[in-house]
Protein backbone atom coordinates (compact mmCIF):
# COMPACT_ATOMS: atom_id res chain seq x y z
CA UNK A 1 49.46 -108.71 -38.39
CA UNK A 2 47.05 -106.61 -36.00
CA UNK A 3 47.20 -108.11 -32.36
CA UNK A 4 43.37 -107.03 -32.33
CA UNK A 5 42.62 -109.61 -34.45
CA UNK A 6 44.22 -112.87 -33.12
CA UNK A 7 42.69 -114.60 -30.05
CA UNK A 8 45.48 -113.47 -27.65
CA UNK A 9 45.10 -110.07 -28.68
CA UNK A 10 41.51 -110.41 -27.85
CA UNK A 11 42.42 -112.26 -24.32
CA UNK A 12 44.55 -110.06 -23.17
CA UNK A 13 41.88 -107.12 -23.74
CA UNK A 14 39.63 -109.23 -21.60
CA UNK A 15 41.94 -109.37 -18.62
CA UNK A 16 42.52 -105.70 -18.68
CA UNK A 17 38.58 -104.85 -18.83
CA UNK A 18 38.23 -107.45 -15.76
CA UNK A 19 41.11 -105.62 -13.59
CA UNK A 20 39.72 -102.13 -14.48
CA UNK A 21 35.95 -103.10 -13.33
CA UNK A 22 37.66 -104.69 -10.27
CA UNK A 23 39.85 -101.28 -9.72
CA UNK A 24 36.65 -98.75 -10.36
CA UNK A 25 33.80 -100.92 -8.01
CA UNK A 26 35.06 -99.91 -4.60
CA UNK A 27 35.45 -96.03 -6.02
CA UNK A 28 31.36 -96.47 -7.10
CA UNK A 29 30.63 -98.28 -3.93
CA UNK A 30 32.08 -95.79 -1.85
CA UNK A 31 30.76 -92.69 -3.67
CA UNK A 32 26.78 -94.43 -3.96
CA UNK A 33 27.24 -94.56 -0.13
CA UNK A 34 28.56 -91.32 0.31
CA UNK A 35 25.09 -89.82 -1.24
CA UNK A 36 23.06 -92.06 0.21
CA UNK A 37 24.67 -90.71 3.37
CA UNK A 38 24.16 -87.31 2.63
CA UNK A 39 20.60 -87.73 1.56
CA UNK A 40 20.04 -89.62 4.71
CA UNK A 41 20.97 -86.65 6.79
CA UNK A 42 19.39 -83.84 4.65
CA UNK A 43 16.02 -85.93 4.92
CA UNK A 44 16.27 -86.71 8.55
CA UNK A 45 17.59 -83.58 10.14
CA UNK A 46 20.34 -82.41 11.91
CA UNK A 47 21.08 -85.67 14.23
CA UNK A 48 20.39 -88.74 11.89
CA UNK A 49 22.21 -91.10 14.39
CA UNK A 50 19.90 -90.82 16.61
CA UNK A 51 17.15 -92.35 14.69
CA UNK A 52 19.15 -94.44 12.16
CA UNK A 53 20.79 -96.56 15.33
CA UNK A 54 24.14 -98.59 14.74
CA UNK A 55 23.64 -99.40 11.24
CA UNK A 56 24.46 -95.87 10.03
CA UNK A 57 28.03 -96.06 11.87
CA UNK A 58 29.40 -96.97 8.28
CA UNK A 59 27.69 -94.41 6.40
CA UNK A 60 28.71 -92.09 8.82
CA UNK A 61 32.14 -92.91 8.81
CA UNK A 62 32.41 -92.46 5.55
CA UNK A 63 30.64 -88.92 5.07
CA UNK A 64 33.30 -88.25 8.28
CA UNK A 65 36.13 -89.73 5.40
CA UNK A 66 34.85 -87.62 2.90
CA UNK A 67 35.01 -84.19 5.34
CA UNK A 68 30.97 -84.45 5.78
CA UNK A 69 29.54 -83.93 8.90
CA UNK A 70 26.13 -83.61 10.48
CA UNK A 71 26.63 -79.89 10.53
CA UNK A 72 28.01 -79.20 7.24
CA UNK A 73 24.29 -80.10 6.00
CA UNK A 74 22.47 -77.24 7.44
CA UNK A 75 23.29 -73.77 5.39
CA UNK A 76 23.72 -70.79 8.20
CA UNK A 77 20.95 -68.22 7.20
CA UNK A 78 22.97 -64.29 6.76
CA UNK A 79 22.78 -61.90 9.38
CA UNK A 80 19.11 -60.39 9.64
CA UNK A 81 18.57 -56.88 7.51
CA UNK A 82 15.43 -55.62 8.22
CA UNK A 83 16.61 -53.37 11.03
CA UNK A 84 19.30 -51.75 8.71
CA UNK A 85 15.79 -51.48 6.08
CA UNK A 86 13.63 -50.26 8.78
CA UNK A 87 16.51 -47.59 9.61
CA UNK A 88 16.98 -46.36 6.14
CA UNK A 89 13.06 -46.35 5.39
CA UNK A 90 12.77 -44.35 8.84
CA UNK A 91 15.59 -42.04 7.93
CA UNK A 92 13.79 -41.20 4.66
CA UNK A 93 10.51 -40.81 6.23
CA UNK A 94 12.01 -38.37 8.84
CA UNK A 95 13.63 -36.45 6.02
CA UNK A 96 10.31 -35.93 3.83
CA UNK A 97 8.49 -35.00 6.92
CA UNK A 98 11.35 -32.58 7.56
CA UNK A 99 10.69 -31.03 4.23
CA UNK A 100 7.01 -30.86 4.09
CA UNK A 101 7.38 -28.80 7.54
CA UNK A 102 9.91 -26.95 6.20
CA UNK A 103 7.61 -26.09 3.32
CA UNK A 104 4.67 -25.67 5.20
CA UNK A 105 6.35 -23.06 7.62
CA UNK A 106 7.79 -21.09 4.61
CA UNK A 107 4.01 -20.79 3.21
CA UNK A 108 2.87 -19.73 6.72
CA UNK A 109 5.58 -16.71 6.40
CA UNK A 110 4.79 -15.85 3.63
CA UNK A 111 1.10 -15.59 4.33
CA UNK A 112 2.15 -13.69 7.30
CA UNK A 113 4.13 -11.14 5.43
CA UNK A 114 1.06 -10.65 2.80
CA UNK A 115 -0.89 -10.01 5.38
CA UNK A 116 1.00 -7.29 6.76
CA UNK A 117 1.43 -5.71 3.72
CA UNK A 118 -2.17 -5.85 3.17
CA UNK A 119 -3.01 -4.13 6.27
CA UNK A 120 -0.51 -1.43 5.93
CA UNK A 121 -1.47 -0.85 2.13
CA UNK A 122 -5.17 -0.12 3.81
CA UNK A 123 -3.90 1.78 7.02
CA UNK A 124 -2.20 3.93 4.00
CA UNK A 125 -4.93 4.02 1.95
CA UNK A 126 -7.23 4.82 4.87
CA UNK A 127 -5.67 7.67 6.00
CA UNK A 128 -5.27 9.07 2.72
CA UNK A 129 -8.66 9.05 2.44
CA UNK A 130 -9.15 10.76 5.55
CA UNK A 131 -6.93 13.47 5.11
CA UNK A 132 -8.38 14.40 1.74
CA UNK A 133 -12.06 14.07 3.43
CA UNK A 134 -10.48 16.92 6.11
CA UNK A 135 -9.20 18.69 3.25
CA UNK A 136 -12.39 18.90 1.13
CA UNK A 137 -14.18 19.24 4.52
CA UNK A 138 -12.21 22.44 5.25
CA UNK A 139 -12.28 23.84 1.61
CA UNK A 140 -16.05 23.53 2.03
CA UNK A 141 -15.93 25.06 5.17
CA UNK A 142 -14.03 28.21 4.23
CA UNK A 143 -16.31 28.12 1.15
CA UNK A 144 -19.39 28.55 3.08
CA UNK A 145 -18.11 31.06 5.72
CA UNK A 146 -16.90 33.10 2.79
CA UNK A 147 -20.32 32.65 1.10
CA UNK A 148 -22.00 33.41 4.62
CA UNK A 149 -19.77 36.57 4.82
CA UNK A 150 -20.63 37.85 1.47
CA UNK A 151 -24.46 37.46 2.00
CA UNK A 152 -24.44 38.85 5.23
CA UNK A 153 -22.50 41.78 3.74
CA UNK A 154 -25.23 41.91 0.79
CA UNK A 155 -28.04 41.83 3.45
CA UNK A 156 -26.67 44.98 5.54
CA UNK A 157 -25.84 46.63 2.59
CA UNK A 158 -29.47 46.47 1.64
CA UNK A 159 -30.80 47.08 4.94
CA UNK A 160 -28.22 50.40 5.70
CA UNK A 161 -29.94 51.36 1.90
CA UNK A 162 -33.33 51.10 3.14
CA UNK A 163 -32.32 52.79 6.51
CA UNK A 164 -30.60 55.99 5.03
CA UNK A 165 -33.36 56.47 2.89
CA UNK A 166 -36.11 56.74 5.84
CA UNK A 167 -33.23 58.62 7.96
CA UNK A 168 -32.06 62.71 7.99
CA UNK A 169 -28.88 63.18 6.34
CA UNK A 170 -25.97 63.40 8.83
CA UNK A 171 -22.48 64.04 7.75
CA UNK A 172 -20.01 61.52 7.32
CA UNK A 173 -17.07 60.78 9.62
CA UNK A 174 -15.48 63.85 10.32
CA UNK A 175 -11.99 63.39 8.69
CA UNK A 176 -13.83 63.01 5.26
CA UNK A 177 -14.02 66.38 4.32
CA UNK A 178 -10.43 67.43 5.33
CA UNK A 179 -8.75 64.59 3.57
CA UNK A 180 -11.23 64.33 0.62
CA UNK A 181 -9.46 65.70 -2.91
CA UNK A 182 -10.78 68.56 -4.86
CA UNK A 183 -10.38 66.51 -8.43
CA UNK A 184 -11.01 63.29 -9.86
CA UNK A 185 -8.44 63.31 -12.85
CA UNK A 186 -6.73 60.59 -13.32
CA UNK A 187 -2.59 60.56 -13.09
CA UNK A 188 -1.99 56.74 -12.75
CA UNK A 189 -3.47 53.59 -13.64
CA UNK A 190 -4.18 51.32 -10.54
CA UNK A 191 -3.08 47.83 -10.56
CA UNK A 192 -6.05 45.52 -9.28
CA UNK A 193 -5.90 41.92 -8.56
CA UNK A 194 -8.72 39.72 -10.22
CA UNK A 195 -9.38 36.31 -9.99
CA UNK A 196 -12.55 36.16 -12.24
CA UNK A 197 -12.14 38.65 -15.13
CA UNK A 198 -11.69 42.04 -15.18
CA UNK A 199 -13.46 44.58 -13.31
CA UNK A 200 -16.15 47.14 -14.82
CA UNK A 201 -14.51 49.81 -17.01
CA UNK A 202 -16.33 52.42 -13.86
CA UNK A 203 -14.23 50.66 -11.17
CA UNK A 204 -11.05 50.45 -12.96
CA UNK A 205 -11.66 54.73 -13.60
CA UNK A 206 -12.23 55.13 -9.89
CA UNK A 207 -9.60 53.30 -8.93
CA UNK A 208 -7.16 55.21 -11.15
CA UNK A 209 -8.48 58.43 -9.66
CA UNK A 210 -7.68 57.06 -5.72
CA UNK A 211 -4.47 56.26 -6.45
CA UNK A 212 -3.82 59.37 -8.30
CA UNK A 213 -5.30 61.90 -5.84
CA UNK A 214 -4.91 60.08 -2.25
CA UNK A 215 -1.63 60.05 -0.75
CA UNK A 216 -0.32 56.45 -0.24
CA UNK A 217 -3.25 54.77 -2.00
CA UNK A 218 -1.02 53.44 -4.77
CA UNK A 219 1.42 51.34 -2.75
CA UNK A 220 -1.50 49.54 -1.25
CA UNK A 221 -3.15 45.85 -2.65
CA UNK A 222 -6.51 46.52 -4.60
CA UNK A 223 -8.89 43.60 -4.66
CA UNK A 224 -10.81 43.06 -7.67
CA UNK A 225 -13.18 40.13 -8.78
CA UNK A 226 -13.39 37.02 -6.63
CA UNK A 227 -15.55 34.12 -8.00
CA UNK A 228 -16.22 33.39 -4.20
CA UNK A 229 -17.73 36.20 -3.05
CA UNK A 230 -22.04 35.73 -2.53
CA UNK A 231 -22.70 39.21 -3.52
CA UNK A 232 -23.89 39.06 -7.31
CA UNK A 233 -23.63 42.65 -7.29
CA UNK A 234 -20.29 42.78 -6.08
CA UNK A 235 -16.94 41.13 -6.38
CA UNK A 236 -18.08 38.51 -8.95
CA UNK A 237 -19.90 41.39 -11.60
CA UNK A 238 -16.58 43.48 -11.54
CA UNK A 239 -18.19 45.74 -9.48
CA UNK A 240 -16.11 46.09 -6.05
CA UNK A 241 -12.93 46.83 -4.85
CA UNK A 242 -10.92 46.19 -1.56
CA UNK A 243 -8.75 48.94 -0.90
CA UNK A 244 -6.14 47.21 1.55
CA UNK A 245 -5.05 49.56 4.08
CA UNK A 246 -4.42 46.94 6.74
CA UNK A 247 -3.76 49.35 10.00
CA UNK A 248 -3.13 52.55 8.20
CA UNK A 249 -6.61 53.92 9.59
CA UNK A 250 -5.67 57.43 8.81
CA UNK A 251 -5.01 56.14 4.87
CA UNK A 252 -8.26 54.29 5.27
CA UNK A 253 -10.31 57.47 6.56
CA UNK A 254 -9.00 59.71 3.64
CA UNK A 255 -10.13 56.86 0.81
CA UNK A 256 -13.25 57.02 2.44
CA UNK A 257 -13.66 61.03 2.55
CA UNK A 258 -12.14 60.76 -1.21
CA UNK A 259 -15.38 58.68 -2.06
CA UNK A 260 -17.47 60.81 0.03
CA UNK A 261 -16.71 64.05 -2.06
CA UNK A 262 -16.89 62.42 -5.03
CA UNK A 263 -19.54 60.36 -4.83
CA UNK A 264 -21.11 60.74 -7.92
CA UNK A 265 -17.65 61.42 -10.47
CA UNK A 266 -16.76 58.35 -9.02
CA UNK A 267 -19.94 56.20 -9.65
CA UNK A 268 -19.98 55.11 -5.70
CA UNK A 269 -22.85 52.50 -5.03
CA UNK A 270 -22.18 52.20 -0.58
CA UNK A 271 -19.15 51.79 1.26
CA UNK A 272 -17.62 49.42 4.04
CA UNK A 273 -15.51 50.38 6.59
CA UNK A 274 -14.89 49.64 10.13
CA UNK A 275 -18.07 47.40 10.30
CA UNK A 276 -19.92 50.55 9.20
CA UNK A 277 -21.78 50.73 5.88
CA UNK A 278 -22.66 54.27 4.16
CA UNK A 279 -25.43 54.04 1.43
CA UNK A 280 -25.38 57.87 0.39
CA UNK A 281 -22.84 60.73 0.80
CA UNK A 282 -25.19 62.84 3.07
CA UNK A 283 -26.23 59.63 4.97
CA UNK A 284 -25.87 58.18 8.43
CA UNK A 285 -23.17 55.40 8.90
CA UNK A 286 -24.94 51.84 9.98
CA UNK A 287 -23.33 49.57 12.25
CA UNK A 288 -23.20 46.08 11.31
CA UNK A 289 -22.87 42.55 12.94
CA UNK A 290 -19.46 41.13 14.24
CA UNK A 291 -18.31 38.83 11.59
CA UNK A 292 -15.35 37.82 13.85
CA UNK A 293 -12.49 38.91 11.97
CA UNK A 294 -10.83 42.25 11.36
CA UNK A 295 -10.91 41.35 7.64
CA UNK A 296 -14.59 40.26 8.00
CA UNK A 297 -14.99 43.20 9.87
CA UNK A 298 -13.46 45.48 7.21
CA UNK A 299 -11.18 47.19 9.62
CA UNK A 300 -8.08 46.64 7.75
CA UNK A 301 -9.73 47.55 4.12
CA UNK A 302 -12.15 49.82 2.70
CA UNK A 303 -14.92 48.09 0.92
CA UNK A 304 -16.59 49.94 -2.14
CA UNK A 305 -19.28 49.17 -4.58
CA UNK A 306 -19.77 51.04 -7.29
CA UNK A 307 -22.76 51.58 -9.64
CA UNK A 308 -22.61 49.72 -13.07
């Protein structure tokens, strides 16, 4: 038979439950007291004894038995981290400022370099422009001087021609008669330096006769056409020759005498030598204005214009 169904079994169970309730009640009361003490401690503060008075002594002793004290109710706050955060923020700000400053400095340095390069290029361009302008000015001055010389030469030739027509006939330089050759036959071909086309046929023929009959004439330079000359009837037209005798005055006089002796055969128009001009074989030598140099004054060459 099941003991739980008998009266004796039920009585035994009742007694065990009563004992169990008896043994559990002090523990429940103790726990409730401890909880109340803790609640009072939290609500009142760190010193509840000053407010509760003697009645709380039991609760405090119970809390002490449980290891709970007034000091354990307050939780210590962690150390203040704000200075570290401020330090980190300050460091980050400084690094950002340094990067910004470096970038600004690099930009400033580059701007200075760019400006220096631009100034150097501008100075070089200005220097080149100045040099080119100076060269152009010098060339223009040289051209103008040459043109003026040619114009003066042409004017002097015209004036001498007019004067020769009015003046009585006179002899040519004393060396002309003795130095003149007796023939115009050509045995050699003269080499003429031309810069603007060939000379006229009459000029080439006269030059051939000169180098063939005047000793030493074949070894000198003969200047022919020259576009820069101002006299349209002279070098530009191929009707003039410069016999470059340089310092050989005897050779220059011989070339002059040969042209005077064979004026018509050679087709001579006029002669210029040693700053004098002769417009006819029986005319007089007319002095010319000083042009400033041996070449301009025809001291180093005999200029002969031929009739075209």
